[in-house]
Structure formats: structure tokens, C-alpha cells
C-alpha atoms as a PDB file:
ATOM      1  CA  MET A   1     -40.628 -91.597  89.595  1.00  0.00           C
ATOM      2  CA  SER A   2     -37.267 -90.342  88.395  1.00  0.00           C
ATOM      3  CA  LYS A   3     -35.107 -87.815  90.173  1.00  0.00           C
ATOM      4  CA  TRP A   4     -33.874 -84.778  88.239  1.00  0.00           C
ATOM      5  CA  VAL A   5     -31.198 -82.214  88.991  1.00  0.00           C
ATOM      6  CA  VAL A   6     -31.895 -78.644  87.891  1.00  0.00           C
ATOM      7  CA  THR A   7     -28.748 -76.524  87.772  1.00  0.00           C
ATOM      8  CA  PHE A   8     -29.154 -72.755  87.807  1.00  0.00           C
ATOM      9  CA  VAL A   9     -27.298 -69.484  88.401  1.00  0.00           C
ATOM     10  CA  ASP A  10     -28.775 -67.123  90.999  1.00  0.00           C
ATOM     11  CA  ASP A  11     -28.764 -63.335  91.209  1.00  0.00           C
ATOM     12  CA  HIS A  12     -25.266 -63.321  92.744  1.00  0.00           C
ATOM     13  CA  GLY A  13     -23.784 -65.439  89.947  1.00  0.00           C
ATOM     14  CA  VAL A  14     -23.552 -68.472  92.208  1.00  0.00           C
ATOM     15  CA  GLN A  15     -24.349 -71.824  90.629  1.00  0.00           C
ATOM     16  CA  GLY A  16     -26.825 -73.945  92.559  1.00  0.00           C
ATOM     17  CA  THR A  17     -28.715 -77.192  92.145  1.00  0.00           C
ATOM     18  CA  GLU A  18     -32.091 -78.471  93.276  1.00  0.00           C
ATOM     19  CA  HIS A  19     -33.394 -82.044  93.104  1.00  0.00           C
ATOM     20  CA  PHE A  20     -36.944 -82.860  92.022  1.00  0.00           C
ATOM     21  CA  ASP A  21     -39.030 -85.999  91.512  1.00  0.00           C
ATOM     22  CA  CYS A  22     -40.837 -86.100  88.152  1.00  0.00           C
ATOM     23  CA  THR A  23     -42.178 -88.940  86.035  1.00  0.00           C
ATOM     24  CA  SER A  24     -40.364 -87.611  82.952  1.00  0.00           C
ATOM     25  CA  GLN A  25     -37.724 -84.986  82.271  1.00  0.00           C
ATOM     26  CA  PRO A  26     -39.198 -81.547  82.975  1.00  0.00           C
ATOM     27  CA  ASP A  27     -38.956 -78.989  80.198  1.00  0.00           C
ATOM     28  CA  LEU A  28     -37.526 -75.518  80.861  1.00  0.00           C
ATOM     29  CA  GLU A  29     -40.891 -74.023  81.881  1.00  0.00           C
ATOM     30  CA  GLN A  30     -41.700 -76.885  84.284  1.00  0.00           C
ATOM     31  CA  ALA A  31     -38.206 -76.623  85.813  1.00  0.00           C
ATOM     32  CA  ALA A  32     -38.669 -72.865  86.231  1.00  0.00           C
ATOM     33  CA  ARG A  33     -41.963 -73.441  88.076  1.00  0.00           C
ATOM     34  CA  LEU A  34     -40.288 -75.992  90.367  1.00  0.00           C
ATOM     35  CA  ILE A  35     -37.350 -73.660  91.091  1.00  0.00           C
ATOM     36  CA  ARG A  36     -39.651 -70.702  91.707  1.00  0.00           C
ATOM     37  CA  ALA A  37     -41.797 -72.715  94.135  1.00  0.00           C
ATOM     38  CA  LYS A  38     -38.713 -73.898  96.022  1.00  0.00           C
ATOM     39  CA  LEU A  39     -36.668 -70.683  96.115  1.00  0.00           C
ATOM     40  CA  LEU A  40     -39.407 -68.055  95.992  1.00  0.00           C
ATOM     41  CA  PRO A  41     -42.511 -69.538  97.647  1.00  0.00           C
ATOM     42  CA  ILE A  42     -44.418 -66.250  98.030  1.00  0.00           C
ATOM     43  CA  PRO A  43     -43.929 -64.991  94.437  1.00  0.00           C
ATOM     44  CA  ALA A  44     -44.753 -68.507  93.222  1.00  0.00           C
ATOM     45  CA  THR A  45     -48.331 -67.962  94.376  1.00  0.00           C
ATOM     46  CA  LEU A  46     -48.708 -64.798  92.272  1.00  0.00           C
ATOM     47  CA  ASP A  47     -50.473 -64.889  88.935  1.00  0.00           C
ATOM     48  CA  LEU A  48     -48.456 -64.357  85.750  1.00  0.00           C
ATOM     49  CA  ASN A  49     -51.471 -63.099  83.787  1.00  0.00           C
ATOM     50  CA  ASP A  50     -49.511 -60.272  82.222  1.00  0.00           C
ATOM     51  CA  LEU A  51     -47.058 -62.774  80.705  1.00  0.00           C
ATOM     52  CA  GLU A  52     -49.112 -65.903  80.095  1.00  0.00           C
ATOM     53  CA  GLY A  53     -50.356 -66.094  76.543  1.00  0.00           C
ATOM     54  CA  ARG A  54     -48.154 -63.201  75.455  1.00  0.00           C
ATOM     55  CA  THR A  55     -44.818 -64.929  75.762  1.00  0.00           C
ATOM     56  CA  SER A  56     -43.611 -68.493  75.624  1.00  0.00           C
ATOM     57  CA  GLU A  57     -42.219 -69.810  78.905  1.00  0.00           C
ATOM     58  CA  PRO A  58     -43.549 -66.990  81.149  1.00  0.00           C
ATOM     59  CA  THR A  59     -42.058 -68.483  84.333  1.00  0.00           C
ATOM     60  CA  VAL A  60     -38.603 -68.713  82.748  1.00  0.00           C
ATOM     61  CA  LYS A  61     -38.876 -65.062  81.680  1.00  0.00           C
ATOM     62  CA  SER A  62     -40.116 -63.970  85.106  1.00  0.00           C
ATOM     63  CA  LEU A  63     -37.300 -65.769  86.946  1.00  0.00           C
ATOM     64  CA  LYS A  64     -34.682 -64.233  84.677  1.00  0.00           C
ATOM     65  CA  ASP A  65     -36.074 -60.684  84.459  1.00  0.00           C
ATOM     66  CA  GLN A  66     -37.316 -60.224  88.023  1.00  0.00           C
ATOM     67  CA  ASN A  67     -35.064 -62.517  90.071  1.00  0.00           C
ATOM     68  CA  SER A  68     -31.945 -62.926  87.892  1.00  0.00           C
ATOM     69  CA  ILE A  69     -32.195 -66.715  88.083  1.00  0.00           C
ATOM     70  CA  GLN A  70     -31.278 -68.613  84.935  1.00  0.00           C
ATOM     71  CA  ILE A  71     -31.593 -72.367  84.489  1.00  0.00           C
ATOM     72  CA  ILE A  72     -28.475 -73.933  82.997  1.00  0.00           C
ATOM     73  CA  SER A  73     -29.369 -77.615  82.746  1.00  0.00           C
ATOM     74  CA  ILE A  74     -31.828 -80.360  83.634  1.00  0.00           C
ATOM     75  CA  THR A  75     -30.214 -83.760  84.064  1.00  0.00           C
ATOM     76  CA  PRO A  76     -31.228 -87.132  85.545  1.00  0.00           C
ATOM     77  CA  LEU A  77     -29.826 -87.953  88.971  1.00  0.00           C
ATOM     78  CA  PRO A  78     -27.480 -90.940  88.600  1.00  0.00           C
END
């Protein structure tokens, strides 16, 4: 399994990073789910029924609109 670094900006404008183990590079939606589970464990359990199917990347949209978290990059850990 490879290690990946997801870089993001939080609601205070502070850049942060989280490390995750994945077999391949996560796409933006997968990274958003990983970040949400790590930073917001309670909201991560909620259903996104109102967004799923209506918008692409519902977790990315939810993180940005509701929590002001935006993913900047997904890179392999050297």
C-alpha cells in the first residue's frame, strides 16, 4: 500500500496535511471522504442523499460549502 499526502486549506485559511494509506492515488472525491472522516467524524456518518446523484463529487462540495475545507493537492509520500 502506498502512502499519500492530502494537502488542504481549512475554514481559518490554514494549510494542513493528512497522510493516508491507499493502494492507488485517491481522486478528489475519495480524498474528500478521507479528510471528512478524519477531521469531521460525526458529519462523516451523515447521509449525503440530497447531493448524491445531483452533483458530481458531493463530498468535495459538502466540505467546501458547509465546512470551508478545500483540498489543494494529493501527492505520494516520498
